[in-house]
Amino acid sequence: MRAREVLNWLRRYESRNVTFQEPDGSWPIVWERARGTRVWDAEGRAYLDLTAAFGVAAAGHAHPAVVRAAQRQAARLPHAMGDVHPHPLKARLARELSRLTFERWSPRATGKSILCQSGFEAVEAALKTALLATGRREILAFEGGYHGLGYGALNATHRRYFRQPFLGQLGGFARFAPYPCGPAELAGALRAIAARLSTGRCGAVLVEPVQARGGIRLPPSDFLPALRELCSRHGALLILDEIYTGFGRTGRWFACEHGAVTPDLICLGKALAGGFPLSACVGRADLMDAAWPSSTGEALHTSTFLGHPVGCAAALAQIGTLRRLGLIRRSRDLGRQLLGDLAELAARPCRFHLEARGLGLMAGLELRRPGGAPATAEALRIVKAMLHRGFILLPEGEHSNVISFTPPLTITAGALRQTVRALGELLPPP
């Protein structure tokens, strides 16, 4: 199908709130196929993907090992029965997730998983676990945080745009604390967190180690360790939402490892299965056993596609590929180069104030006008101009004024430099 026909059909048959289309046809492109770091549209044009399709394609689009594993499993057993009759790959993946998380963090620990589909479902499984384990209704989340849009997770997603239309039906069990983005903000944020936890009503703290959709916002390095200590002191569970940051995105298997912080529960998704919708809530085994009763034939939390066989096969292949190709270290090394190049770009004379920040291959360039106002229109203009030069980028942040970089971890140093060079050509002089 030609792109125009696809977009016409979507205008006619899809909810108008889903796919944004510019009246002049300049946005979006229609994806036809993808391989590695490249995407081809319906007209045959090639693009360099700097998004990894929301961070999913960590090992590159359509990696042969992941594709083969999914194809073989689809031919052998395309669907099983969730929480009733298991299949071998579900057990293998649960063991692998334990080994990658709690067994790596502590030699005497194991993890237990609840497998889901979308990231927000993993968050909701963690929130249920916290309520069952502590008996406390309230949770603490953070300003700027994004945890998905299901009704449970939406309580903890901060942005007013997503929450406001549905406030009348939300449970209202989340409270919000400041998310510190620099040393000067840390002490005040920790005081606010301690005050909320000291009430004894808060059963869990839910936090992203790096806020992705919030605008690639990084806290000070001692924030997560301090948060861990506060949770332990007040009997609250620490839930890390690593749906975006997990599986090498920040240069470690998981971002919490930069501060040697062990959560009580970790939420995983996106890059877990390399493109198949699969997510997981992984918790300390003793916590999971204390929170959830043994099954008597009807699970309290389940779904039709729980532990989907094709998803499990893809996830095991994806994890193996990340390990075999050394992509975690590659993310760390290339991330340093990318951040350095963006910092050089930000130091050049420009009409806007630019700030570069990042960790591993999760980086952002923020644009602000003189006086500090978000340069939203300008950032969007640059993202669209980059698209027409053959580079797929996304704006992030509450004001969409942060140009983000979350490419496949297989990207080359040359491709990153080419992108930054093209971006620099579009920044207006003073």
Protein backbone atom coordinates (compact mmCIF):
# COMPACT_ATOMS: atom_id res chain seq x y z
CA MET A 1 0.00 0.00 0.00
CA ARG A 2 1.16 3.54 -0.72
CA ALA A 3 1.65 5.81 2.27
CA ARG A 4 -1.19 8.12 1.28
CA GLU A 5 -3.65 5.23 1.15
CA VAL A 6 -2.50 3.92 4.55
CA LEU A 7 -2.95 7.32 6.16
CA ASN A 8 -6.34 7.83 4.52
CA TRP A 9 -7.53 4.49 5.90
CA LEU A 10 -6.28 5.40 9.37
CA ARG A 11 -8.14 8.73 9.21
CA ARG A 12 -11.28 6.85 8.30
CA TYR A 13 -11.06 3.75 10.53
CA GLU A 14 -8.77 4.50 13.51
CA SER A 15 -9.64 6.65 16.53
CA ARG A 16 -8.56 10.16 15.63
CA ASN A 17 -6.66 10.47 18.92
CA VAL A 18 -4.04 7.88 17.94
CA THR A 19 -1.99 8.79 14.85
CA PHE A 20 -1.10 12.46 14.41
CA GLN A 21 -1.03 13.55 10.77
CA GLU A 22 0.21 16.91 9.53
CA PRO A 23 -2.27 18.45 7.07
CA ASP A 24 0.53 18.97 4.55
CA GLY A 25 1.53 15.28 4.65
CA SER A 26 5.00 15.93 6.11
CA TRP A 27 4.36 13.70 9.16
CA PRO A 28 4.28 10.75 9.75
CA ILE A 29 6.11 8.36 7.48
CA VAL A 30 4.64 4.87 7.03
CA TRP A 31 7.07 2.15 8.09
CA GLU A 32 7.34 -0.74 5.66
CA ARG A 33 10.28 -2.76 7.03
CA ALA A 34 13.28 -2.43 9.35
CA ARG A 35 16.62 -4.16 9.85
CA GLY A 36 19.42 -3.31 12.24
CA THR A 37 19.50 0.47 12.64
CA ARG A 38 17.63 1.18 9.38
CA VAL A 39 13.95 1.68 8.60
CA TRP A 40 12.40 1.83 5.13
CA ASP A 41 9.11 3.60 4.50
CA ALA A 42 6.31 2.64 2.13
CA GLU A 43 7.91 4.70 -0.63
CA GLY A 44 11.23 2.85 -0.30
CA ARG A 45 13.15 5.65 1.44
CA ALA A 46 15.72 4.62 4.08
CA TYR A 47 16.12 6.22 7.51
CA LEU A 48 18.54 5.91 10.41
CA ASP A 49 16.53 5.08 13.53
CA LEU A 50 17.71 7.00 16.59
CA THR A 51 14.73 5.81 18.68
CA ALA A 52 15.03 2.00 18.50
CA ALA A 53 11.22 2.24 18.18
CA PHE A 54 10.74 3.56 21.74
CA GLY A 55 13.85 1.71 22.95
CA VAL A 56 12.54 -1.72 21.96
CA ALA A 57 15.07 -2.70 19.26
CA ALA A 58 18.11 -2.76 21.55
CA ALA A 59 19.79 -5.50 19.49
CA GLY A 60 18.67 -3.84 16.27
CA HIS A 61 15.45 -4.26 14.33
CA ALA A 62 14.65 -7.82 13.25
CA HIS A 63 17.84 -9.31 14.64
CA PRO A 64 18.19 -12.72 12.91
CA ALA A 65 18.54 -14.67 16.19
CA VAL A 66 15.41 -13.11 17.66
CA VAL A 67 13.43 -13.57 14.44
CA ARG A 68 14.46 -17.22 14.10
CA ALA A 69 13.53 -17.99 17.70
CA ALA A 70 10.10 -16.36 17.31
CA GLN A 71 9.44 -18.08 13.96
CA ARG A 72 10.38 -21.52 15.27
CA GLN A 73 8.18 -21.08 18.33
CA ALA A 74 5.24 -19.75 16.29
CA ALA A 75 5.39 -22.87 14.14
CA ARG A 76 5.69 -25.20 17.15
CA LEU A 77 3.40 -23.64 19.79
CA PRO A 78 2.01 -20.19 18.98
CA HIS A 79 -0.11 -19.93 22.13
CA ALA A 80 -0.44 -21.65 25.49
CA MET A 81 -2.74 -21.27 28.48
CA GLY A 82 -1.32 -18.49 30.62
CA ASP A 83 -1.67 -19.49 34.26
CA VAL A 84 -3.14 -22.98 33.62
CA HIS A 85 -0.96 -25.30 31.55
CA PRO A 86 2.63 -23.97 31.31
CA HIS A 87 5.24 -24.43 28.61
CA PRO A 88 9.02 -24.86 29.01
CA LEU A 89 10.06 -21.43 27.76
CA LYS A 90 8.06 -19.65 30.45
CA ALA A 91 10.06 -21.50 33.10
CA ARG A 92 13.32 -20.79 31.30
CA LEU A 93 12.57 -17.09 31.03
CA ALA A 94 11.54 -16.81 34.70
CA ARG A 95 14.86 -18.43 35.66
CA GLU A 96 16.80 -16.14 33.31
CA LEU A 97 15.16 -13.01 34.73
CA SER A 98 16.05 -14.14 38.25
CA ARG A 99 19.66 -14.72 37.21
CA LEU A 100 19.89 -11.33 35.49
CA THR A 101 18.48 -9.43 38.47
CA PHE A 102 18.42 -10.60 42.07
CA GLU A 103 20.90 -13.45 41.66
CA ARG A 104 23.45 -11.03 40.17
CA TRP A 105 22.82 -8.47 42.90
CA SER A 106 23.03 -10.87 45.84
CA PRO A 107 24.52 -14.39 45.87
CA ARG A 108 21.84 -15.70 48.26
CA ALA A 109 18.80 -14.14 46.56
CA THR A 110 16.45 -15.25 43.82
CA GLY A 111 13.70 -13.44 41.98
CA LYS A 112 10.17 -14.45 41.06
CA SER A 113 8.32 -13.03 38.07
CA ILE A 114 4.88 -12.12 36.89
CA LEU A 115 4.94 -12.00 33.10
CA CYS A 116 2.73 -9.45 31.33
CA GLN A 117 2.39 -7.82 27.91
CA SER A 118 2.75 -4.03 28.04
CA GLY A 119 4.98 -2.06 30.39
CA PHE A 120 2.11 -0.53 32.32
CA GLU A 121 0.87 -4.03 33.19
CA ALA A 122 4.22 -4.81 34.82
CA VAL A 123 3.85 -1.61 36.84
CA GLU A 124 0.35 -2.59 37.92
CA ALA A 125 1.56 -6.06 38.96
CA ALA A 126 4.19 -4.34 41.11
CA LEU A 127 1.61 -2.01 42.65
CA LYS A 128 -0.61 -4.98 43.51
CA THR A 129 2.38 -6.76 45.04
CA ALA A 130 3.13 -3.73 47.21
CA LEU A 131 -0.44 -3.50 48.49
CA LEU A 132 -0.59 -7.21 49.31
CA ALA A 133 2.81 -7.13 51.01
CA THR A 134 2.38 -3.99 53.10
CA GLY A 135 -1.36 -3.48 53.45
CA ARG A 136 -0.80 0.21 52.71
CA ARG A 137 -2.93 1.83 50.02
CA GLU A 138 -0.77 4.85 49.22
CA ILE A 139 2.26 4.96 46.95
CA LEU A 140 4.80 7.69 46.27
CA ALA A 141 5.69 8.57 42.68
CA PHE A 142 7.53 11.52 41.14
CA GLU A 143 6.87 14.71 39.27
CA GLY A 144 7.69 14.18 35.60
CA GLY A 145 7.32 10.41 35.90
CA TYR A 146 5.69 8.23 33.26
CA HIS A 147 4.55 4.69 34.10
CA GLY A 148 1.98 3.99 31.41
CA LEU A 149 -1.67 4.79 30.84
CA GLY A 150 -3.67 1.87 32.24
CA TYR A 151 -5.96 3.00 35.04
CA GLY A 152 -3.69 1.60 37.79
CA ALA A 153 -0.44 2.93 36.34
CA LEU A 154 -2.08 6.22 35.33
CA ASN A 155 -2.39 7.08 39.03
CA ALA A 156 1.41 7.25 39.11
CA THR A 157 1.97 8.97 35.73
CA HIS A 158 2.41 12.62 36.57
CA ARG A 159 1.74 14.55 33.37
CA ARG A 160 -1.57 16.40 33.55
CA TYR A 161 -2.25 15.84 29.83
CA PHE A 162 -2.64 12.10 30.39
CA ARG A 163 -4.41 12.23 33.77
CA GLN A 164 -6.84 15.13 33.60
CA PRO A 165 -9.58 13.58 31.38
CA PHE A 166 -9.83 10.53 33.66
CA LEU A 167 -9.45 11.96 37.16
CA GLY A 168 -13.05 11.16 37.98
CA GLN A 169 -12.34 7.44 37.68
CA LEU A 170 -8.81 7.23 39.07
CA GLY A 171 -8.24 5.76 42.50
CA GLY A 172 -6.09 8.67 43.64
CA PHE A 173 -3.73 6.50 45.68
CA ALA A 174 -0.50 8.14 44.44
CA ARG A 175 1.25 11.14 45.94
CA PHE A 176 4.02 12.96 44.10
CA ALA A 177 7.42 14.13 45.24
CA PRO A 178 9.96 16.31 43.39
CA TYR A 179 12.38 14.44 41.12
CA PRO A 180 15.80 16.01 41.69
CA CYS A 181 17.79 16.78 38.54
CA GLY A 182 20.85 18.26 40.22
CA PRO A 183 22.70 18.38 43.55
CA ALA A 184 20.97 21.62 44.54
CA GLU A 185 17.57 19.91 44.36
CA LEU A 186 18.53 16.70 46.16
CA ALA A 187 18.22 17.71 49.81
CA GLY A 188 14.79 19.27 49.36
CA ALA A 189 13.48 16.27 47.43
CA LEU A 190 14.73 13.83 50.07
CA ARG A 191 13.11 15.87 52.84
CA ALA A 192 9.77 15.77 51.01
CA ILE A 193 10.09 12.02 50.45
CA ALA A 194 11.02 11.37 54.09
CA ALA A 195 8.05 13.44 55.29
CA ARG A 196 5.62 11.45 53.17
CA LEU A 197 7.09 8.07 54.15
CA SER A 198 7.08 8.98 57.85
CA THR A 199 3.26 9.04 57.83
CA GLY A 200 3.28 5.24 57.63
CA ARG A 201 0.61 5.28 54.92
CA CYS A 202 2.94 4.75 51.96
CA GLY A 203 3.54 1.14 50.94
CA ALA A 204 5.87 1.74 48.00
CA VAL A 205 7.99 4.27 46.16
CA LEU A 206 7.81 3.96 42.37
CA VAL A 207 10.61 5.63 40.44
CA GLU A 208 12.40 5.67 37.10
CA PRO A 209 16.22 5.70 37.49
CA VAL A 210 16.22 8.04 34.47
CA GLN A 211 13.01 9.76 33.40
CA ALA A 212 12.75 9.02 29.68
CA ARG A 213 9.46 10.51 28.57
CA GLY A 214 9.97 13.16 31.22
CA GLY A 215 12.80 14.57 29.10
CA ILE A 216 15.86 12.34 29.72
CA ARG A 217 16.08 13.67 33.28
CA LEU A 218 18.92 12.23 35.37
CA PRO A 219 18.98 12.49 39.15
CA PRO A 220 22.21 12.95 41.15
CA SER A 221 24.18 9.70 41.58
CA ASP A 222 23.36 9.46 45.29
CA PHE A 223 19.59 9.84 44.83
CA LEU A 224 18.70 6.16 44.37
CA PRO A 225 20.94 4.98 47.27
CA ALA A 226 19.29 7.57 49.53
CA LEU A 227 15.86 6.48 48.33
CA ARG A 228 16.74 2.85 49.07
CA GLU A 229 17.75 3.79 52.61
CA LEU A 230 14.57 5.78 53.21
CA CYS A 231 12.36 2.94 51.96
CA SER A 232 14.12 0.43 54.21
CA ARG A 233 13.84 2.75 57.22
CA HIS A 234 10.10 3.32 56.79
CA GLY A 235 9.03 -0.16 55.65
CA ALA A 236 8.11 0.88 52.12
CA LEU A 237 8.99 -1.13 49.02
CA LEU A 238 11.28 0.35 46.39
CA ILE A 239 9.85 -0.30 42.90
CA LEU A 240 12.13 0.59 40.01
CA ASP A 241 10.48 1.19 36.66
CA GLU A 242 13.27 0.06 34.30
CA ILE A 243 10.95 -0.55 31.37
CA TYR A 244 12.91 1.98 29.30
CA THR A 245 16.29 1.92 31.05
CA GLY A 246 16.68 -1.86 31.29
CA PHE A 247 18.69 -4.28 29.14
CA GLY A 248 21.74 -2.11 28.51
CA ARG A 249 20.13 1.18 27.58
CA THR A 250 22.21 3.16 30.12
CA GLY A 251 25.43 1.16 29.78
CA ARG A 252 24.62 -1.40 32.49
CA TRP A 253 22.17 -4.28 32.34
CA PHE A 254 19.93 -2.13 34.57
CA ALA A 255 20.29 1.52 35.47
CA CYS A 256 20.08 0.84 39.22
CA GLU A 257 23.46 -0.85 38.96
CA HIS A 258 25.18 2.52 38.46
CA GLY A 259 24.49 3.18 42.14
CA ALA A 260 24.64 -0.45 43.34
CA VAL A 261 20.99 -0.20 44.41
CA THR A 262 18.88 -3.33 44.78
CA PRO A 263 15.13 -2.72 44.50
CA ASP A 264 12.39 -4.83 46.04
CA LEU A 265 10.61 -5.01 42.68
CA ILE A 266 11.76 -4.16 39.16
CA CYS A 267 9.51 -3.58 36.15
CA LEU A 268 10.87 -4.60 32.74
CA GLY A 269 9.61 -4.32 29.18
CA LYS A 270 10.41 -2.63 25.84
CA ALA A 271 13.81 -4.20 24.95
CA LEU A 272 13.00 -7.44 26.81
CA ALA A 273 11.72 -9.28 23.74
CA GLY A 274 13.09 -7.13 20.91
CA GLY A 275 9.72 -6.22 19.44
CA PHE A 276 7.28 -8.79 20.81
CA PRO A 277 4.88 -7.34 23.42
CA LEU A 278 6.21 -8.85 26.65
CA SER A 279 6.94 -7.31 30.04
CA ALA A 280 7.71 -8.56 33.53
CA CYS A 281 7.47 -7.60 37.17
CA VAL A 282 10.35 -9.30 39.01
CA GLY A 283 10.52 -9.24 42.78
CA ARG A 284 12.59 -10.74 45.56
CA ALA A 285 11.39 -14.31 46.02
CA ASP A 286 10.71 -13.90 49.75
CA LEU A 287 8.69 -10.75 49.09
CA MET A 288 6.68 -12.32 46.27
CA ASP A 289 5.93 -15.38 48.39
CA ALA A 290 4.83 -13.23 51.32
CA ALA A 291 2.61 -11.03 49.14
CA TRP A 292 0.90 -13.53 46.84
CA PRO A 293 -0.97 -16.62 48.08
CA SER A 294 -0.32 -19.99 46.52
CA SER A 295 -2.54 -20.66 43.56
CA THR A 296 -5.60 -22.77 44.25
CA GLY A 297 -6.52 -22.96 40.58
CA GLU A 298 -7.49 -19.33 39.96
CA ALA A 299 -4.72 -16.74 39.82
CA LEU A 300 -5.34 -13.31 41.35
CA HIS A 301 -3.39 -11.62 38.56
CA THR A 302 -3.33 -13.17 35.11
CA SER A 303 -4.22 -12.67 31.47
CA THR A 304 -4.97 -14.73 28.38
CA PHE A 305 -1.49 -14.13 26.97
CA LEU A 306 0.51 -14.45 30.19
CA GLY A 307 3.95 -15.88 29.41
CA HIS A 308 3.20 -16.06 25.69
CA PRO A 309 5.40 -18.78 24.09
CA VAL A 310 6.53 -16.67 21.14
CA GLY A 311 7.32 -13.76 23.44
CA CYS A 312 9.32 -15.97 25.78
CA ALA A 313 11.29 -17.38 22.85
CA ALA A 314 12.03 -13.89 21.54
CA ALA A 315 13.05 -12.66 25.00
CA LEU A 316 15.49 -15.52 25.59
CA ALA A 317 17.04 -14.90 22.17
CA GLN A 318 17.19 -11.15 22.77
CA ILE A 319 18.93 -11.55 26.13
CA GLY A 320 21.37 -14.01 24.60
CA THR A 321 22.11 -11.62 21.74
CA LEU A 322 22.73 -8.66 24.04
CA ARG A 323 25.17 -10.80 26.02
CA ARG A 324 26.89 -12.44 23.04
CA LEU A 325 27.49 -9.19 21.14
CA GLY A 326 28.69 -7.27 24.20
CA LEU A 327 26.03 -4.62 23.64
CA ILE A 328 25.92 -3.49 27.28
CA ARG A 329 29.55 -2.33 27.16
CA ARG A 330 28.98 -0.93 23.68
CA SER A 331 26.13 1.20 25.02
CA ARG A 332 28.40 2.56 27.72
CA ASP A 333 31.26 3.41 25.36
CA LEU A 334 29.17 4.86 22.53
CA GLY A 335 27.07 6.75 25.05
CA ARG A 336 30.16 8.59 26.27
CA GLN A 337 30.98 9.59 22.70
CA LEU A 338 27.40 10.69 21.98
CA LEU A 339 27.16 12.78 25.15
CA GLY A 340 30.51 14.39 24.41
CA ASP A 341 29.45 15.28 20.88
CA LEU A 342 26.12 16.68 22.10
CA ALA A 343 27.93 18.71 24.79
CA GLU A 344 30.18 20.20 22.09
CA LEU A 345 27.09 21.06 20.08
CA ALA A 346 25.46 22.67 23.12
CA ALA A 347 28.55 24.82 23.68
CA ARG A 348 28.35 26.38 20.20
CA PRO A 349 26.77 29.83 19.77
CA CYS A 350 23.06 29.36 19.12
CA ARG A 351 19.81 31.28 19.31
CA PHE A 352 18.65 28.90 22.06
CA HIS A 353 20.09 27.74 25.33
CA LEU A 354 21.05 24.08 24.84
CA GLU A 355 21.68 21.44 27.50
CA ALA A 356 23.00 17.95 26.73
CA ARG A 357 22.55 15.12 29.20
CA GLY A 358 22.49 11.34 29.15
CA LEU A 359 23.63 7.99 30.42
CA GLY A 360 24.72 5.28 28.00
CA LEU A 361 22.71 5.36 24.80
CA MET A 362 19.93 7.36 26.44
CA ALA A 363 20.65 11.02 25.78
CA GLY A 364 18.80 14.26 25.22
CA LEU A 365 19.38 17.78 23.96
CA GLU A 366 17.08 20.33 25.59
CA LEU A 367 16.20 23.56 23.79
CA ARG A 368 15.13 26.68 25.69
CA ARG A 369 14.58 30.21 24.47
CA PRO A 370 16.41 33.18 25.96
CA GLY A 371 14.74 33.73 29.31
CA GLY A 372 14.22 30.00 29.91
CA ALA A 373 10.92 29.20 28.17
CA PRO A 374 10.79 25.76 26.50
CA ALA A 375 11.53 26.00 22.77
CA THR A 376 8.77 23.56 21.88
CA ALA A 377 7.95 24.70 18.35
CA GLU A 378 11.61 24.90 17.43
CA ALA A 379 12.41 21.42 18.77
CA LEU A 380 9.49 19.94 16.83
CA ARG A 381 10.58 21.75 13.69
CA ILE A 382 14.07 20.27 14.01
CA VAL A 383 12.75 16.74 14.63
CA LYS A 384 10.60 17.01 11.48
CA ALA A 385 13.48 18.47 9.45
CA MET A 386 15.74 15.63 10.61
CA LEU A 387 13.11 13.12 9.48
CA HIS A 388 13.21 14.55 5.98
CA ARG A 389 17.00 14.28 6.05
CA GLY A 390 16.66 10.57 6.87
CA PHE A 391 16.97 10.54 10.69
CA ILE A 392 14.16 9.31 12.98
CA LEU A 393 14.15 11.18 16.30
CA LEU A 394 11.53 11.94 18.95
CA PRO A 395 10.82 14.92 21.21
CA GLU A 396 10.46 14.21 24.92
CA GLY A 397 9.59 16.13 28.07
CA GLU A 398 6.38 17.72 29.25
CA HIS A 399 6.90 20.53 26.72
CA SER A 400 8.33 18.33 23.92
CA ASN A 401 11.46 20.47 23.84
CA VAL A 402 14.02 17.71 24.45
CA ILE A 403 15.35 15.91 21.36
CA SER A 404 16.04 12.37 22.56
CA PHE A 405 18.49 9.72 21.40
CA THR A 406 17.76 6.07 22.24
CA PRO A 407 19.16 4.22 19.20
CA PRO A 408 19.69 0.49 18.80
CA LEU A 409 22.76 -0.51 20.79
CA THR A 410 24.21 -1.84 17.52
CA ILE A 411 24.54 1.65 16.04
CA THR A 412 28.01 2.70 14.88
CA ALA A 413 30.10 5.59 16.14
CA GLY A 414 30.05 7.03 12.63
CA ALA A 415 26.26 6.97 12.42
CA LEU A 416 25.99 8.82 15.74
CA ARG A 417 28.48 11.46 14.59
CA GLN A 418 26.59 11.83 11.29
CA THR A 419 23.37 12.43 13.24
CA VAL A 420 24.86 15.05 15.55
CA ARG A 421 26.47 16.81 12.59
CA ALA A 422 23.12 16.95 10.76
CA LEU A 423 21.42 18.21 13.91
CA GLY A 424 24.01 20.95 14.29
CA GLU A 425 23.29 22.19 10.76
CA LEU A 426 19.67 22.81 11.74
CA LEU A 427 20.35 24.81 14.90
CA PRO A 428 19.93 28.52 14.20
CA PRO A 429 22.87 30.88 14.86
CA PRO A 430 22.55 33.67 17.44
